């Protein structure tokens, strides 16, 4: 009986590791594909006015999103990883400074829903 339970936990741990490995390899392939597509575009001849604002907005919103998910201890792992990547290196700072589930981020209380 104990041996069967032990095998179950080892098998479930291996399945979890395989799932994470598959997710990370898929993410790596997507990043490389997108980077290759961006590199193949001729960006030197195009006008760069207006493109910096959009990139900055994505970076800022990714940081807000990651900070909120970390402080409120909500959100799926997928969206946390996506916002961490797009908000890096600001999200790395959040990872170290904001406690998970603390309902506070950088000295600001996060909004809460009141149950009535």
PDB file of N, CA and C in Angstrom:
ATOM      1  N   UNK A   1       0.830  -1.190   0.000  1.00  0.00           N
ATOM      2  CA  UNK A   1       0.000   0.000   0.000  1.00  0.00           C
ATOM      3  C   UNK A   1       0.874   1.253   0.000  1.00  0.00           C
ATOM      4  N   UNK A   2       1.875   1.264   0.904  1.00  0.00           N
ATOM      5  CA  UNK A   2       2.749   2.430   0.976  1.00  0.00           C
ATOM      6  C   UNK A   2       3.567   2.581  -0.299  1.00  0.00           C
ATOM      7  N   UNK A   3       3.974   1.443  -0.873  1.00  0.00           N
ATOM      8  CA  UNK A   3       4.761   1.493  -2.098  1.00  0.00           C
ATOM      9  C   UNK A   3       3.933   2.073  -3.250  1.00  0.00           C
ATOM     10  N   UNK A   4       2.649   1.721  -3.311  1.00  0.00           N
ATOM     11  CA  UNK A   4       1.774   2.255  -4.342  1.00  0.00           C
ATOM     12  C   UNK A   4       1.593   3.762  -4.184  1.00  0.00           C
ATOM     13  N   UNK A   5       1.436   4.231  -2.955  1.00  0.00           N
ATOM     14  CA  UNK A   5       1.303   5.663  -2.689  1.00  0.00           C
ATOM     15  C   UNK A   5       2.578   6.392  -3.086  1.00  0.00           C
ATOM     16  N   UNK A   6       3.719   5.798  -2.762  1.00  0.00           N
ATOM     17  CA  UNK A   6       4.995   6.398  -3.106  1.00  0.00           C
ATOM     18  C   UNK A   6       5.153   6.509  -4.619  1.00  0.00           C
ATOM     19  N   UNK A   7       4.787   5.455  -5.337  1.00  0.00           N
ATOM     20  CA  UNK A   7       4.861   5.486  -6.801  1.00  0.00           C
ATOM     21  C   UNK A   7       3.927   6.537  -7.384  1.00  0.00           C
ATOM     22  N   UNK A   8       2.761   6.695  -6.780  1.00  0.00           N
ATOM     23  CA  UNK A   8       1.816   7.703  -7.253  1.00  0.00           C
ATOM     24  C   UNK A   8       2.418   9.100  -7.158  1.00  0.00           C
ATOM     25  N   UNK A   9       3.040   9.418  -6.014  1.00  0.00           N
ATOM     26  CA  UNK A   9       3.611  10.747  -5.840  1.00  0.00           C
ATOM     27  C   UNK A   9       4.796  10.979  -6.764  1.00  0.00           C
ATOM     28  N   UNK A  10       5.606   9.970  -6.972  1.00  0.00           N
ATOM     29  CA  UNK A  10       6.744  10.104  -7.889  1.00  0.00           C
ATOM     30  C   UNK A  10       6.237  10.310  -9.313  1.00  0.00           C
ATOM     31  N   UNK A  11       5.214   9.545  -9.715  1.00  0.00           N
ATOM     32  CA  UNK A  11       4.662   9.677 -11.055  1.00  0.00           C
ATOM     33  C   UNK A  11       4.023  11.048 -11.259  1.00  0.00           C
ATOM     34  N   UNK A  12       3.287  11.540 -10.267  1.00  0.00           N
ATOM     35  CA  UNK A  12       2.639  12.843 -10.416  1.00  0.00           C
ATOM     36  C   UNK A  12       3.682  13.957 -10.457  1.00  0.00           C
ATOM     37  N   UNK A  13       4.781  13.797  -9.736  1.00  0.00           N
ATOM     38  CA  UNK A  13       5.867  14.784  -9.765  1.00  0.00           C
ATOM     39  C   UNK A  13       6.526  14.804 -11.147  1.00  0.00           C
ATOM     40  N   UNK A  14       6.738  13.609 -11.729  1.00  0.00           N
ATOM     41  CA  UNK A  14       7.336  13.518 -13.064  1.00  0.00           C
ATOM     42  C   UNK A  14       6.412  14.128 -14.113  1.00  0.00           C
ATOM     43  N   UNK A  15       5.107  13.881 -13.988  1.00  0.00           N
ATOM     44  CA  UNK A  15       4.150  14.466 -14.926  1.00  0.00           C
ATOM     45  C   UNK A  15       4.171  15.984 -14.842  1.00  0.00           C
ATOM     46  N   UNK A  16       4.271  16.504 -13.634  1.00  0.00           N
ATOM     47  CA  UNK A  16       4.332  17.950 -13.454  1.00  0.00           C
ATOM     48  C   UNK A  16       5.599  18.525 -14.079  1.00  0.00           C
ATOM     49  N   UNK A  17       6.715  17.852 -13.883  1.00  0.00           N
ATOM     50  CA  UNK A  17       7.971  18.322 -14.476  1.00  0.00           C
ATOM     51  C   UNK A  17       7.915  18.265 -16.000  1.00  0.00           C
ATOM     52  N   UNK A  18       7.308  17.219 -16.538  1.00  0.00           N
ATOM     53  CA  UNK A  18       7.175  17.123 -17.999  1.00  0.00           C
ATOM     54  C   UNK A  18       6.303  18.247 -18.544  1.00  0.00           C
ATOM     55  N   UNK A  19       5.231  18.560 -17.826  1.00  0.00           N
ATOM     56  CA  UNK A  19       4.346  19.648 -18.256  1.00  0.00           C
ATOM     57  C   UNK A  19       5.087  20.974 -18.276  1.00  0.00           C
ATOM     58  N   UNK A  20       5.886  21.251 -17.217  1.00  0.00           N
ATOM     59  CA  UNK A  20       6.663  22.488 -17.153  1.00  0.00           C
ATOM     60  C   UNK A  20       7.716  22.528 -18.249  1.00  0.00           C
ATOM     61  N   UNK A  21       8.369  21.401 -18.503  1.00  0.00           N
ATOM     62  CA  UNK A  21       9.383  21.356 -19.558  1.00  0.00           C
ATOM     63  C   UNK A  21       8.750  21.620 -20.918  1.00  0.00           C
ATOM     64  N   UNK A  22       7.574  21.038 -21.161  1.00  0.00           N
ATOM     65  CA  UNK A  22       6.877  21.262 -22.426  1.00  0.00           C
ATOM     66  C   UNK A  22       6.465  22.724 -22.559  1.00  0.00           C
ATOM     67  N   UNK A  23       5.968  23.322 -21.486  1.00  0.00           N
ATOM     68  CA  UNK A  23       5.559  24.723 -21.514  1.00  0.00           C
ATOM     69  C   UNK A  23       6.751  25.628 -21.775  1.00  0.00           C
ATOM     70  N   UNK A  24       7.858  25.386 -21.090  1.00  0.00           N
ATOM     71  CA  UNK A  24       9.034  26.221 -21.280  1.00  0.00           C
ATOM     72  C   UNK A  24       9.636  26.059 -22.666  1.00  0.00           C
ATOM     73  N   UNK A  25       9.638  24.846 -23.200  1.00  0.00           N
ATOM     74  CA  UNK A  25      10.178  24.662 -24.551  1.00  0.00           C
ATOM     75  C   UNK A  25       9.282  25.330 -25.587  1.00  0.00           C
ATOM     76  N   UNK A  26       7.973  25.283 -25.408  1.00  0.00           N
ATOM     77  CA  UNK A  26       7.057  25.975 -26.308  1.00  0.00           C
ATOM     78  C   UNK A  26       7.269  27.475 -26.242  1.00  0.00           C
ATOM     79  N   UNK A  27       7.450  27.994 -25.051  1.00  0.00           N
ATOM     80  CA  UNK A  27       7.701  29.420 -24.871  1.00  0.00           C
ATOM     81  C   UNK A  27       9.017  29.821 -25.523  1.00  0.00           C
ATOM     82  N   UNK A  28      10.050  28.999 -25.376  1.00  0.00           N
ATOM     83  CA  UNK A  28      11.347  29.291 -25.986  1.00  0.00           C
ATOM     84  C   UNK A  28      11.253  29.310 -27.506  1.00  0.00           C
ATOM     85  N   UNK A  29      10.531  28.362 -28.087  1.00  0.00           N
ATOM     86  CA  UNK A  29      10.359  28.326 -29.543  1.00  0.00           C
ATOM     87  C   UNK A  29       9.608  29.569 -30.014  1.00  0.00           C
ATOM     88  N   UNK A  30       8.582  29.963 -29.283  1.00  0.00           N
ATOM     89  CA  UNK A  30       7.819  31.155 -29.657  1.00  0.00           C
ATOM     90  C   UNK A  30       8.684  32.409 -29.592  1.00  0.00           C
ATOM     91  N   UNK A  31       9.484  32.543 -28.552  1.00  0.00           N
ATOM     92  CA  UNK A  31      10.349  33.723 -28.407  1.00  0.00           C
ATOM     93  C   UNK A  31      11.372  33.775 -29.536  1.00  0.00           C
ATOM     94  N   UNK A  32      11.985  32.641 -29.842  1.00  0.00           N
ATOM     95  CA  UNK A  32      12.968  32.600 -30.924  1.00  0.00           C
ATOM     96  C   UNK A  32      12.308  32.917 -32.258  1.00  0.00           C
ATOM     97  N   UNK A  33      11.119  32.389 -32.504  1.00  0.00           N
ATOM     98  CA  UNK A  33      10.409  32.660 -33.757  1.00  0.00           C
ATOM     99  C   UNK A  33      10.062  34.137 -33.886  1.00  0.00           C
ATOM    100  N   UNK A  34       9.557  34.721 -32.824  1.00  0.00           N
ATOM    101  CA  UNK A  34       9.215  36.144 -32.866  1.00  0.00           C
ATOM    102  C   UNK A  34      10.453  37.011 -33.024  1.00  0.00           C
ATOM    103  N   UNK A  35      11.537  36.643 -32.359  1.00  0.00           N
ATOM    104  CA  UNK A  35      12.775  37.407 -32.487  1.00  0.00           C
ATOM    105  C   UNK A  35      13.317  37.316 -33.908  1.00  0.00           C
ATOM    106  N   UNK A  36      13.228  36.141 -34.516  1.00  0.00           N
ATOM    107  CA  UNK A  36      13.693  35.970 -35.887  1.00  0.00           C
ATOM    108  C   UNK A  36      12.839  36.787 -36.852  1.00  0.00           C
ATOM    109  N   UNK A  37      11.531  36.802 -36.638  1.00  0.00           N
ATOM    110  CA  UNK A  37      10.641  37.589 -37.498  1.00  0.00           C
ATOM    111  C   UNK A  37      10.935  39.076 -37.359  1.00  0.00           C
ATOM    112  N   UNK A  38      11.175  39.530 -36.143  1.00  0.00           N
ATOM    113  CA  UNK A  38      11.480  40.943 -35.928  1.00  0.00           C
ATOM    114  C   UNK A  38      12.830  41.309 -36.537  1.00  0.00           C
ATOM    115  N   UNK A  39      13.775  40.411 -36.472  1.00  0.00           N
ATOM    116  CA  UNK A  39      15.102  40.667 -37.026  1.00  0.00           C
ATOM    117  C   UNK A  39      15.057  40.725 -38.549  1.00  0.00           C
ATOM    118  N   UNK A  40      14.181  39.930 -39.149  1.00  0.00           N
ATOM    119  CA  UNK A  40      14.108  39.903 -40.604  1.00  0.00           C
ATOM    120  C   UNK A  40      13.433  41.145 -41.185  1.00  0.00           C
ATOM    121  N   UNK A  41      12.701  41.878 -40.366  1.00  0.00           N
ATOM    122  CA  UNK A  41      12.072  43.108 -40.841  1.00  0.00           C
ATOM    123  C   UNK A  41      13.132  44.188 -40.979  1.00  0.00           C
ATOM    124  N   UNK A  42      12.957  45.038 -41.974  1.00  0.00           N
ATOM    125  CA  UNK A  42      13.906  46.124 -42.178  1.00  0.00           C
ATOM    126  C   UNK A  42      13.426  47.329 -41.378  1.00  0.00           C
ATOM    127  N   UNK A  43      13.816  47.393 -40.111  1.00  0.00           N
ATOM    128  CA  UNK A  43      13.357  48.468 -39.235  1.00  0.00           C
ATOM    129  C   UNK A  43      14.183  49.735 -39.386  1.00  0.00           C
ATOM    130  N   UNK A  44      15.376  49.653 -39.992  1.00  0.00           N
ATOM    131  CA  UNK A  44      16.233  50.823 -40.128  1.00  0.00           C
ATOM    132  C   UNK A  44      15.631  51.850 -41.079  1.00  0.00           C
ATOM    133  N   UNK A  45      14.909  51.407 -42.098  1.00  0.00           N
ATOM    134  CA  UNK A  45      14.354  52.335 -43.069  1.00  0.00           C
ATOM    135  C   UNK A  45      12.995  52.893 -42.642  1.00  0.00           C
ATOM    136  N   UNK A  46      12.354  52.271 -41.684  1.00  0.00           N
ATOM    137  CA  UNK A  46      11.043  52.749 -41.269  1.00  0.00           C
ATOM    138  C   UNK A  46      11.185  53.857 -40.235  1.00  0.00           C
ATOM    139  N   UNK A  47      10.168  54.662 -40.149  1.00  0.00           N
ATOM    140  CA  UNK A  47      10.168  55.755 -39.188  1.00  0.00           C
ATOM    141  C   UNK A  47       9.958  55.193 -37.791  1.00  0.00           C
ATOM    142  N   UNK A  48      10.751  55.635 -36.834  1.00  0.00           N
ATOM    143  CA  UNK A  48      10.641  55.100 -35.482  1.00  0.00           C
ATOM    144  C   UNK A  48       9.810  55.988 -34.573  1.00  0.00           C
ATOM    145  N   UNK A  49       9.241  57.057 -35.122  1.00  0.00           N
ATOM    146  CA  UNK A  49       8.415  57.909 -34.283  1.00  0.00           C
ATOM    147  C   UNK A  49       7.095  57.203 -34.008  1.00  0.00           C
ATOM    148  N   UNK A  50       6.728  57.144 -32.768  1.00  0.00           N
ATOM    149  CA  UNK A  50       5.476  56.511 -32.386  1.00  0.00           C
ATOM    150  C   UNK A  50       5.610  55.064 -31.965  1.00  0.00           C
ATOM    151  N   UNK A  51       6.711  54.430 -32.247  1.00  0.00           N
ATOM    152  CA  UNK A  51       6.853  53.029 -31.862  1.00  0.00           C
ATOM    153  C   UNK A  51       7.341  52.889 -30.439  1.00  0.00           C
ATOM    154  N   UNK A  52       8.081  53.859 -29.935  1.00  0.00           N
ATOM    155  CA  UNK A  52       8.597  53.748 -28.572  1.00  0.00           C
ATOM    156  C   UNK A  52       7.483  53.831 -27.530  1.00  0.00           C
ATOM    157  N   UNK A  53       6.459  54.610 -27.804  1.00  0.00           N
ATOM    158  CA  UNK A  53       5.359  54.762 -26.858  1.00  0.00           C
ATOM    159  C   UNK A  53       4.591  53.472 -26.645  1.00  0.00           C
ATOM    160  N   UNK A  54       4.367  52.718 -27.716  1.00  0.00           N
ATOM    161  CA  UNK A  54       3.643  51.459 -27.606  1.00  0.00           C
ATOM    162  C   UNK A  54       4.417  50.426 -26.819  1.00  0.00           C
ATOM    163  N   UNK A  55       5.715  50.353 -27.065  1.00  0.00           N
ATOM    164  CA  UNK A  55       6.554  49.407 -26.335  1.00  0.00           C
ATOM    165  C   UNK A  55       6.611  49.777 -24.860  1.00  0.00           C
ATOM    166  N   UNK A  56       6.722  51.062 -24.577  1.00  0.00           N
ATOM    167  CA  UNK A  56       6.754  51.502 -23.182  1.00  0.00           C
ATOM    168  C   UNK A  56       5.437  51.202 -22.481  1.00  0.00           C
ATOM    169  N   UNK A  57       4.333  51.361 -23.183  1.00  0.00           N
ATOM    170  CA  UNK A  57       3.025  51.085 -22.588  1.00  0.00           C
ATOM    171  C   UNK A  57       2.886  49.605 -22.247  1.00  0.00           C
ATOM    172  N   UNK A  58       3.334  48.731 -23.148  1.00  0.00           N
ATOM    173  CA  UNK A  58       3.279  47.291 -22.871  1.00  0.00           C
ATOM    174  C   UNK A  58       4.118  46.968 -21.648  1.00  0.00           C
ATOM    175  N   UNK A  59       5.305  47.561 -21.555  1.00  0.00           N
ATOM    176  CA  UNK A  59       6.210  47.317 -20.427  1.00  0.00           C
ATOM    177  C   UNK A  59       5.568  47.781 -19.115  1.00  0.00           C
ATOM    178  N   UNK A  60       4.974  48.978 -19.132  1.00  0.00           N
ATOM    179  CA  UNK A  60       4.350  49.536 -17.919  1.00  0.00           C
ATOM    180  C   UNK A  60       3.151  48.684 -17.487  1.00  0.00           C
ATOM    181  N   UNK A  61       2.276  48.331 -18.441  1.00  0.00           N
ATOM    182  CA  UNK A  61       1.102  47.539 -18.088  1.00  0.00           C
ATOM    183  C   UNK A  61       1.467  46.130 -17.634  1.00  0.00           C
ATOM    184  N   UNK A  62       2.529  45.567 -18.202  1.00  0.00           N
ATOM    185  CA  UNK A  62       2.987  44.249 -17.749  1.00  0.00           C
ATOM    186  C   UNK A  62       3.478  44.334 -16.308  1.00  0.00           C
ATOM    187  N   UNK A  63       4.162  45.419 -15.963  1.00  0.00           N
ATOM    188  CA  UNK A  63       4.616  45.598 -14.584  1.00  0.00           C
ATOM    189  C   UNK A  63       3.442  45.769 -13.631  1.00  0.00           C
ATOM    190  N   UNK A  64       2.451  46.583 -14.008  1.00  0.00           N
ATOM    191  CA  UNK A  64       1.258  46.749 -13.170  1.00  0.00           C
ATOM    192  C   UNK A  64       0.540  45.421 -12.978  1.00  0.00           C
ATOM    193  N   UNK A  65       0.404  44.676 -14.065  1.00  0.00           N
ATOM    194  CA  UNK A  65      -0.295  43.396 -14.007  1.00  0.00           C
ATOM    195  C   UNK A  65       0.419  42.415 -13.086  1.00  0.00           C
ATOM    196  N   UNK A  66       1.731  42.288 -13.249  1.00  0.00           N
ATOM    197  CA  UNK A  66       2.490  41.350 -12.420  1.00  0.00           C
ATOM    198  C   UNK A  66       2.457  41.772 -10.954  1.00  0.00           C
ATOM    199  N   UNK A  67       2.586  43.074 -10.702  1.00  0.00           N
ATOM    200  CA  UNK A  67       2.553  43.571  -9.317  1.00  0.00           C
ATOM    201  C   UNK A  67       1.208  43.265  -8.668  1.00  0.00           C
ATOM    202  N   UNK A  68       0.112  43.493  -9.385  1.00  0.00           N
ATOM    203  CA  UNK A  68      -1.215  43.211  -8.840  1.00  0.00           C
ATOM    204  C   UNK A  68      -1.431  41.727  -8.582  1.00  0.00           C
ATOM    205  N   UNK A  69      -1.015  40.890  -9.521  1.00  0.00           N
ATOM    206  CA  UNK A  69      -1.187  39.448  -9.330  1.00  0.00           C
ATOM    207  C   UNK A  69      -0.347  38.945  -8.165  1.00  0.00           C
ATOM    208  N   UNK A  70       0.846  39.499  -7.990  1.00  0.00           N
ATOM    209  CA  UNK A  70       1.722  39.069  -6.890  1.00  0.00           C
ATOM    210  C   UNK A  70       1.160  39.531  -5.544  1.00  0.00           C
ATOM    211  N   UNK A  71       0.744  40.797  -5.456  1.00  0.00           N
ATOM    212  CA  UNK A  71       0.270  41.336  -4.184  1.00  0.00           C
ATOM    213  C   UNK A  71      -1.053  40.705  -3.765  1.00  0.00           C
ATOM    214  N   UNK A  72      -1.900  40.380  -4.711  1.00  0.00           N
ATOM    215  CA  UNK A  72      -3.203  39.801  -4.381  1.00  0.00           C
ATOM    216  C   UNK A  72      -3.193  38.282  -4.420  1.00  0.00           C
ATOM    217  N   UNK A  73      -2.079  37.680  -4.803  1.00  0.00           N
ATOM    218  CA  UNK A  73      -1.932  36.222  -4.883  1.00  0.00           C
ATOM    219  C   UNK A  73      -3.025  35.615  -5.762  1.00  0.00           C
ATOM    220  N   UNK A  74      -3.263  36.242  -6.907  1.00  0.00           N
ATOM    221  CA  UNK A  74      -4.277  35.759  -7.846  1.00  0.00           C
ATOM    222  C   UNK A  74      -3.660  35.683  -9.230  1.00  0.00           C
ATOM    223  N   UNK A  75      -4.346  35.050 -10.135  1.00  0.00           N
ATOM    224  CA  UNK A  75      -3.892  34.942 -11.510  1.00  0.00           C
ATOM    225  C   UNK A  75      -3.294  33.568 -11.778  1.00  0.00           C
ATOM    226  N   UNK A  76      -3.358  33.170 -13.044  1.00  0.00           N
ATOM    227  CA  UNK A  76      -2.810  31.875 -13.423  1.00  0.00           C
ATOM    228  C   UNK A  76      -1.310  32.000 -13.660  1.00  0.00           C
ATOM    229  N   UNK A  77      -0.648  30.875 -13.581  1.00  0.00           N
ATOM    230  CA  UNK A  77       0.797  30.853 -13.777  1.00  0.00           C
ATOM    231  C   UNK A  77       1.157  31.333 -15.176  1.00  0.00           C
ATOM    232  N   UNK A  78       0.358  30.974 -16.169  1.00  0.00           N
ATOM    233  CA  UNK A  78       0.642  31.389 -17.543  1.00  0.00           C
ATOM    234  C   UNK A  78       0.715  32.905 -17.659  1.00  0.00           C
ATOM    235  N   UNK A  79      -0.285  33.608 -17.120  1.00  0.00           N
ATOM    236  CA  UNK A  79      -0.303  35.068 -17.249  1.00  0.00           C
ATOM    237  C   UNK A  79       0.769  35.716 -16.395  1.00  0.00           C
ATOM    238  N   UNK A  80       1.120  35.096 -15.286  1.00  0.00           N
ATOM    239  CA  UNK A  80       2.229  35.632 -14.490  1.00  0.00           C
ATOM    240  C   UNK A  80       3.536  35.553 -15.259  1.00  0.00           C
ATOM    241  N   UNK A  81       3.760  34.425 -15.955  1.00  0.00           N
ATOM    242  CA  UNK A  81       4.986  34.262 -16.743  1.00  0.00           C
ATOM    243  C   UNK A  81       5.004  35.249 -17.907  1.00  0.00           C
ATOM    244  N   UNK A  82       3.873  35.398 -18.589  1.00  0.00           N
ATOM    245  CA  UNK A  82       3.800  36.324 -19.721  1.00  0.00           C
ATOM    246  C   UNK A  82       4.071  37.753 -19.270  1.00  0.00           C
ATOM    247  N   UNK A  83       3.420  38.189 -18.198  1.00  0.00           N
ATOM    248  CA  UNK A  83       3.637  39.554 -17.721  1.00  0.00           C
ATOM    249  C   UNK A  83       5.045  39.735 -17.171  1.00  0.00           C
ATOM    250  N   UNK A  84       5.621  38.681 -16.571  1.00  0.00           N
ATOM    251  CA  UNK A  84       7.001  38.773 -16.086  1.00  0.00           C
ATOM    252  C   UNK A  84       7.961  38.997 -17.251  1.00  0.00           C
ATOM    253  N   UNK A  85       7.770  38.273 -18.344  1.00  0.00           N
ATOM    254  CA  UNK A  85       8.662  38.398 -19.500  1.00  0.00           C
ATOM    255  C   UNK A  85       8.540  39.782 -20.135  1.00  0.00           C
ATOM    256  N   UNK A  86       7.311  40.252 -20.371  1.00  0.00           N
ATOM    257  CA  UNK A  86       7.132  41.544 -21.030  1.00  0.00           C
ATOM    258  C   UNK A  86       7.469  42.721 -20.119  1.00  0.00           C
ATOM    259  N   UNK A  87       7.465  42.520 -18.818  1.00  0.00           N
ATOM    260  CA  UNK A  87       7.770  43.605 -17.900  1.00  0.00           C
ATOM    261  C   UNK A  87       9.177  43.591 -17.344  1.00  0.00           C
ATOM    262  N   UNK A  88       9.981  42.616 -17.772  1.00  0.00           N
ATOM    263  CA  UNK A  88      11.345  42.496 -17.265  1.00  0.00           C
ATOM    264  C   UNK A  88      12.148  43.731 -17.646  1.00  0.00           C
ATOM    265  N   UNK A  89      12.966  44.308 -16.800  1.00  0.00           N
ATOM    266  CA  UNK A  89      13.475  43.920 -15.500  1.00  0.00           C
ATOM    267  C   UNK A  89      12.668  44.487 -14.324  1.00  0.00           C
ATOM    268  N   UNK A  90      11.622  45.283 -14.622  1.00  0.00           N
ATOM    269  CA  UNK A  90      10.815  45.846 -13.541  1.00  0.00           C
ATOM    270  C   UNK A  90      10.105  44.784 -12.725  1.00  0.00           C
ATOM    271  N   UNK A  91       9.693  43.711 -13.380  1.00  0.00           N
ATOM    272  CA  UNK A  91       9.004  42.642 -12.668  1.00  0.00           C
ATOM    273  C   UNK A  91       9.952  41.864 -11.757  1.00  0.00           C
ATOM    274  N   UNK A  92      11.223  41.855 -12.100  1.00  0.00           N
ATOM    275  CA  UNK A  92      12.202  41.213 -11.215  1.00  0.00           C
ATOM    276  C   UNK A  92      12.290  41.976  -9.901  1.00  0.00           C
ATOM    277  N   UNK A  93      12.243  43.289  -9.977  1.00  0.00           N
ATOM    278  CA  UNK A  93      12.239  44.122  -8.773  1.00  0.00           C
ATOM    279  C   UNK A  93      10.981  43.839  -7.944  1.00  0.00           C
ATOM    280  N   UNK A  94       9.849  43.714  -8.610  1.00  0.00           N
ATOM    281  CA  UNK A  94       8.601  43.388  -7.924  1.00  0.00           C
ATOM    282  C   UNK A  94       8.692  42.038  -7.233  1.00  0.00           C
ATOM    283  N   UNK A  95       9.323  41.078  -7.891  1.00  0.00           N
ATOM    284  CA  UNK A  95       9.459  39.741  -7.323  1.00  0.00           C
ATOM    285  C   UNK A  95      10.178  39.783  -5.978  1.00  0.00           C
ATOM    286  N   UNK A  96      11.164  40.661  -5.857  1.00  0.00           N
ATOM    287  CA  UNK A  96      11.928  40.751  -4.611  1.00  0.00           C
ATOM    288  C   UNK A  96      11.284  41.665  -3.566  1.00  0.00           C
ATOM    289  N   UNK A  97      10.537  42.681  -3.980  1.00  0.00           N
ATOM    290  CA  UNK A  97      10.046  43.681  -3.037  1.00  0.00           C
ATOM    291  C   UNK A  97       8.604  43.500  -2.587  1.00  0.00           C
ATOM    292  N   UNK A  98       7.771  42.838  -3.368  1.00  0.00           N
ATOM    293  CA  UNK A  98       6.359  42.698  -3.025  1.00  0.00           C
ATOM    294  C   UNK A  98       6.112  41.289  -2.500  1.00  0.00           C
ATOM    295  N   UNK A  99       5.574  41.213  -1.285  1.00  0.00           N
ATOM    296  CA  UNK A  99       5.257  39.915  -0.689  1.00  0.00           C
ATOM    297  C   UNK A  99       4.003  39.344  -1.330  1.00  0.00           C
ATOM    298  N   UNK A 100       4.039  38.038  -1.591  1.00  0.00           N
ATOM    299  CA  UNK A 100       2.906  37.365  -2.218  1.00  0.00           C
ATOM    300  C   UNK A 100       1.720  37.350  -1.261  1.00  0.00           C
ATOM    301  N   UNK A 101       0.581  37.868  -1.720  1.00  0.00           N
ATOM    302  CA  UNK A 101      -0.642  37.878  -0.929  1.00  0.00           C
ATOM    303  C   UNK A 101      -0.687  38.943   0.147  1.00  0.00           C
ATOM    304  N   UNK A 102       0.200  39.925   0.100  1.00  0.00           N
ATOM    305  CA  UNK A 102       0.271  40.937   1.159  1.00  0.00           C
ATOM    306  C   UNK A 102      -0.777  42.033   1.019  1.00  0.00           C
ATOM    307  N   UNK A 103      -1.441  42.119  -0.149  1.00  0.00           N
ATOM    308  CA  UNK A 103      -2.435  43.161  -0.429  1.00  0.00           C
ATOM    309  C   UNK A 103      -1.817  44.559  -0.423  1.00  0.00           C
ATOM    310  N   UNK A 104      -0.479  44.649  -0.448  1.00  0.00           N
ATOM    311  CA  UNK A 104       0.224  45.937  -0.544  1.00  0.00           C
ATOM    312  C   UNK A 104       1.342  45.803  -1.562  1.00  0.00           C
ATOM    313  N   UNK A 105       1.481  46.838  -2.392  1.00  0.00           N
ATOM    314  CA  UNK A 105       2.557  46.851  -3.377  1.00  0.00           C
ATOM    315  C   UNK A 105       3.212  48.220  -3.360  1.00  0.00           C
ATOM    316  N   UNK A 106       4.487  48.244  -3.061  1.00  0.00           N
ATOM    317  CA  UNK A 106       5.265  49.485  -3.010  1.00  0.00           C
ATOM    318  C   UNK A 106       4.625  50.519  -2.092  1.00  0.00           C
ATOM    319  N   UNK A 107       4.090  50.080  -0.963  1.00  0.00           N
ATOM    320  CA  UNK A 107       3.514  50.981   0.029  1.00  0.00           C
ATOM    321  C   UNK A 107       2.087  51.412  -0.263  1.00  0.00           C
ATOM    322  N   UNK A 108       1.465  50.850  -1.273  1.00  0.00           N
ATOM    323  CA  UNK A 108       0.101  51.222  -1.645  1.00  0.00           C
ATOM    324  C   UNK A 108      -0.813  50.026  -1.385  1.00  0.00           C
ATOM    325  N   UNK A 109      -1.936  50.270  -0.679  1.00  0.00           N
ATOM    326  CA  UNK A 109      -2.914  49.201  -0.458  1.00  0.00           C
ATOM    327  C   UNK A 109      -3.636  48.895  -1.758  1.00  0.00           C
ATOM    328  N   UNK A 110      -3.737  47.612  -2.062  1.00  0.00           N
ATOM    329  CA  UNK A 110      -4.437  47.186  -3.267  1.00  0.00           C
ATOM    330  C   UNK A 110      -5.935  47.255  -3.036  1.00  0.00           C
ATOM    331  N   UNK A 111      -6.725  47.601  -4.058  1.00  0.00           N
ATOM    332  CA  UNK A 111      -8.181  47.649  -3.888  1.00  0.00           C
ATOM    333  C   UNK A 111      -8.753  46.265  -3.630  1.00  0.00           C
ATOM    334  N   UNK A 112      -9.753  46.203  -2.772  1.00  0.00           N
ATOM    335  CA  UNK A 112     -10.395  44.930  -2.428  1.00  0.00           C
ATOM    336  C   UNK A 112     -11.876  45.032  -2.722  1.00  0.00           C
ATOM    337  N   UNK A 113     -12.461  43.891  -3.052  1.00  0.00           N
ATOM    338  CA  UNK A 113     -13.913  43.850  -3.210  1.00  0.00           C
ATOM    339  C   UNK A 113     -14.534  43.640  -1.837  1.00  0.00           C
ATOM    340  N   UNK A 114     -15.603  44.356  -1.558  1.00  0.00           N
ATOM    341  CA  UNK A 114     -16.305  44.141  -0.304  1.00  0.00           C
ATOM    342  C   UNK A 114     -17.437  43.169  -0.539  1.00  0.00           C
ATOM    343  N   UNK A 115     -17.529  42.176   0.305  1.00  0.00           N
ATOM    344  CA  UNK A 115     -18.600  41.176   0.203  1.00  0.00           C
ATOM    345  C   UNK A 115     -19.820  41.662   0.961  1.00  0.00           C
ATOM    346  N   UNK A 116     -20.893  41.900   0.248  1.00  0.00           N
ATOM    347  CA  UNK A 116     -22.111  42.407   0.896  1.00  0.00           C
ATOM    348  C   UNK A 116     -23.223  41.417   0.775  1.00  0.00           C
TER     349      UNK A 116
END
